[in-house]
N, C-alpha and C. Protein backbone atom coordinates (compact mmCIF):
# COMPACT_ATOMS: atom_id res chain seq x y z
N ASP A 1 11.86 13.58 7.56
CA ASP A 1 11.14 14.53 6.72
C ASP A 1 11.81 14.60 5.35
N LEU A 2 11.09 14.22 4.32
CA LEU A 2 11.65 14.23 2.96
C LEU A 2 11.61 15.61 2.33
N GLY A 3 10.72 16.48 2.76
CA GLY A 3 10.64 17.80 2.17
C GLY A 3 10.41 17.72 0.67
N GLU A 4 11.30 18.30 -0.08
CA GLU A 4 11.19 18.30 -1.54
C GLU A 4 12.02 17.20 -2.18
N LYS A 5 12.45 16.24 -1.40
CA LYS A 5 13.27 15.15 -1.93
C LYS A 5 12.37 14.06 -2.50
N VAL A 6 12.97 13.16 -3.25
CA VAL A 6 12.24 12.07 -3.88
C VAL A 6 13.00 10.76 -3.67
N LEU A 7 12.27 9.68 -3.54
CA LEU A 7 12.88 8.36 -3.39
C LEU A 7 12.46 7.48 -4.57
N PHE A 8 13.38 6.69 -5.07
CA PHE A 8 13.10 5.76 -6.16
C PHE A 8 13.40 4.35 -5.69
N LEU A 9 12.57 3.42 -6.08
CA LEU A 9 12.78 2.01 -5.78
C LEU A 9 12.58 1.23 -7.08
N VAL A 10 13.53 0.37 -7.40
CA VAL A 10 13.45 -0.43 -8.63
C VAL A 10 13.61 -1.89 -8.26
N MET A 11 12.74 -2.71 -8.83
CA MET A 11 12.85 -4.16 -8.66
C MET A 11 12.84 -4.81 -10.04
N ALA A 12 13.60 -5.88 -10.17
CA ALA A 12 13.65 -6.62 -11.43
C ALA A 12 13.45 -8.10 -11.13
N THR A 13 12.67 -8.76 -11.96
CA THR A 13 12.46 -10.20 -11.79
C THR A 13 13.73 -10.96 -12.16
N ASP A 14 13.81 -12.21 -11.73
CA ASP A 14 14.96 -13.05 -12.09
C ASP A 14 15.09 -13.15 -13.61
N GLU A 15 13.95 -13.25 -14.28
CA GLU A 15 13.96 -13.34 -15.75
C GLU A 15 14.54 -12.06 -16.37
N ALA A 16 14.16 -10.91 -15.83
CA ALA A 16 14.67 -9.64 -16.34
C ALA A 16 16.17 -9.53 -16.10
N VAL A 17 16.63 -9.97 -14.93
CA VAL A 17 18.07 -9.92 -14.62
C VAL A 17 18.84 -10.83 -15.60
N LYS A 18 18.30 -12.01 -15.86
CA LYS A 18 18.95 -12.92 -16.81
C LYS A 18 19.02 -12.31 -18.21
N ALA A 19 18.05 -11.45 -18.52
CA ALA A 19 18.01 -10.79 -19.84
C ALA A 19 18.91 -9.55 -19.88
N GLY A 20 19.53 -9.20 -18.75
CA GLY A 20 20.46 -8.08 -18.73
C GLY A 20 20.05 -6.89 -17.90
N ALA A 21 18.86 -6.91 -17.31
CA ALA A 21 18.42 -5.79 -16.48
C ALA A 21 19.24 -5.75 -15.18
N HIS A 22 19.46 -4.55 -14.68
CA HIS A 22 20.18 -4.37 -13.42
C HIS A 22 19.53 -3.21 -12.68
N ALA A 23 18.78 -3.53 -11.64
CA ALA A 23 18.05 -2.51 -10.89
C ALA A 23 18.97 -1.42 -10.35
N GLY A 24 20.15 -1.79 -9.89
CA GLY A 24 21.08 -0.81 -9.34
C GLY A 24 21.53 0.22 -10.37
N LYS A 25 21.83 -0.25 -11.56
CA LYS A 25 22.26 0.67 -12.61
C LYS A 25 21.10 1.56 -13.05
N LEU A 26 19.91 0.97 -13.17
CA LEU A 26 18.74 1.74 -13.58
C LEU A 26 18.41 2.83 -12.57
N VAL A 27 18.35 2.48 -11.30
CA VAL A 27 17.98 3.47 -10.30
C VAL A 27 19.03 4.58 -10.20
N GLY A 28 20.29 4.24 -10.41
CA GLY A 28 21.34 5.25 -10.40
C GLY A 28 21.17 6.27 -11.52
N GLU A 29 20.83 5.79 -12.71
CA GLU A 29 20.61 6.69 -13.85
C GLU A 29 19.39 7.58 -13.61
N VAL A 30 18.33 7.00 -13.08
CA VAL A 30 17.11 7.75 -12.82
C VAL A 30 17.34 8.81 -11.75
N ALA A 31 18.02 8.45 -10.68
CA ALA A 31 18.26 9.39 -9.59
C ALA A 31 19.13 10.57 -10.00
N LYS A 32 20.06 10.34 -10.91
CA LYS A 32 20.91 11.44 -11.39
C LYS A 32 20.08 12.58 -11.96
N VAL A 33 19.00 12.23 -12.65
CA VAL A 33 18.13 13.25 -13.25
C VAL A 33 17.54 14.15 -12.17
N ALA A 34 17.26 13.60 -11.01
CA ALA A 34 16.66 14.36 -9.92
C ALA A 34 17.72 14.88 -8.93
N GLY A 35 18.97 14.89 -9.35
CA GLY A 35 20.03 15.44 -8.52
C GLY A 35 20.46 14.55 -7.37
N GLY A 36 20.33 13.26 -7.56
CA GLY A 36 20.70 12.35 -6.48
C GLY A 36 21.52 11.18 -6.96
N GLY A 37 21.49 10.11 -6.19
CA GLY A 37 22.24 8.92 -6.54
C GLY A 37 21.81 7.76 -5.67
N GLY A 38 22.31 6.62 -6.02
CA GLY A 38 21.99 5.41 -5.28
C GLY A 38 22.38 4.20 -6.07
N GLY A 39 21.95 3.06 -5.64
CA GLY A 39 22.27 1.83 -6.33
C GLY A 39 21.81 0.64 -5.53
N GLY A 40 22.29 -0.51 -5.94
CA GLY A 40 21.90 -1.72 -5.23
C GLY A 40 22.18 -2.95 -6.05
N ARG A 41 21.45 -3.98 -5.74
CA ARG A 41 21.64 -5.29 -6.37
C ARG A 41 20.96 -5.32 -7.75
N PRO A 42 21.29 -6.33 -8.53
CA PRO A 42 20.63 -6.47 -9.83
C PRO A 42 19.11 -6.60 -9.73
N ASN A 43 18.61 -7.22 -8.64
CA ASN A 43 17.17 -7.45 -8.54
C ASN A 43 16.41 -6.41 -7.70
N MET A 44 17.12 -5.59 -6.91
CA MET A 44 16.45 -4.56 -6.12
C MET A 44 17.43 -3.45 -5.75
N ALA A 45 16.96 -2.21 -5.89
CA ALA A 45 17.83 -1.08 -5.58
C ALA A 45 16.98 0.13 -5.22
N GLN A 46 17.60 1.07 -4.51
CA GLN A 46 16.91 2.31 -4.18
C GLN A 46 17.86 3.49 -4.28
N ALA A 47 17.26 4.66 -4.47
CA ALA A 47 18.05 5.88 -4.60
C ALA A 47 17.21 7.07 -4.18
N GLY A 48 17.87 8.16 -3.91
CA GLY A 48 17.19 9.39 -3.56
C GLY A 48 17.57 10.50 -4.50
N GLY A 49 16.71 11.48 -4.59
CA GLY A 49 16.97 12.66 -5.40
C GLY A 49 16.67 13.91 -4.60
N LYS A 50 17.31 15.00 -4.95
CA LYS A 50 17.14 16.25 -4.21
C LYS A 50 16.07 17.17 -4.81
N ASP A 51 15.67 16.91 -6.07
CA ASP A 51 14.78 17.82 -6.78
C ASP A 51 13.51 17.09 -7.22
N ALA A 52 12.46 17.18 -6.41
CA ALA A 52 11.21 16.49 -6.71
C ALA A 52 10.54 17.01 -7.98
N SER A 53 10.89 18.21 -8.41
CA SER A 53 10.28 18.75 -9.63
C SER A 53 10.76 18.00 -10.87
N LYS A 54 11.76 17.16 -10.73
CA LYS A 54 12.32 16.41 -11.86
C LYS A 54 11.77 14.98 -11.95
N ILE A 55 10.74 14.65 -11.18
CA ILE A 55 10.22 13.28 -11.18
C ILE A 55 9.79 12.84 -12.57
N GLU A 56 9.02 13.66 -13.27
CA GLU A 56 8.54 13.28 -14.60
C GLU A 56 9.70 13.02 -15.55
N GLU A 57 10.69 13.88 -15.53
CA GLU A 57 11.88 13.71 -16.37
C GLU A 57 12.64 12.43 -15.99
N ALA A 58 12.72 12.15 -14.71
CA ALA A 58 13.41 10.95 -14.23
C ALA A 58 12.69 9.69 -14.68
N LEU A 59 11.36 9.70 -14.64
CA LEU A 59 10.61 8.53 -15.08
C LEU A 59 10.75 8.32 -16.59
N LYS A 60 10.85 9.39 -17.35
CA LYS A 60 11.10 9.26 -18.79
C LYS A 60 12.47 8.62 -19.03
N LYS A 61 13.44 8.99 -18.21
CA LYS A 61 14.78 8.40 -18.30
C LYS A 61 14.70 6.90 -18.01
N ALA A 62 13.89 6.52 -17.04
CA ALA A 62 13.73 5.11 -16.70
C ALA A 62 13.22 4.33 -17.91
N VAL A 63 12.25 4.88 -18.60
CA VAL A 63 11.71 4.22 -19.79
C VAL A 63 12.79 4.08 -20.85
N GLU A 64 13.57 5.12 -21.07
CA GLU A 64 14.65 5.08 -22.06
C GLU A 64 15.66 3.98 -21.72
N VAL A 65 16.04 3.90 -20.46
CA VAL A 65 17.04 2.92 -20.05
C VAL A 65 16.48 1.50 -20.19
N VAL A 66 15.25 1.29 -19.77
CA VAL A 66 14.65 -0.05 -19.87
C VAL A 66 14.48 -0.45 -21.33
N GLU A 67 14.06 0.46 -22.17
CA GLU A 67 13.90 0.14 -23.59
C GLU A 67 15.23 -0.21 -24.24
N ALA A 68 16.33 0.29 -23.70
CA ALA A 68 17.65 -0.01 -24.24
C ALA A 68 18.08 -1.45 -23.94
N TYR A 69 17.44 -2.11 -22.95
CA TYR A 69 17.73 -3.51 -22.66
C TYR A 69 17.18 -4.33 -23.79
């Protein structure tokens, strides 16, 4: 039962990884916004958050991080 929790999954193509993307780092930054954490490999990662009300803010953070690549 997830209740009010949220799960994030990030995948990056081989081309994106070669360009500097890292799914584990991205998902970790996004999950922090929702009060959680996680990580994983450069091409796939997952994380959880405790505050589902922060999903919109977390997704904005994802855009900021990706644009920084």
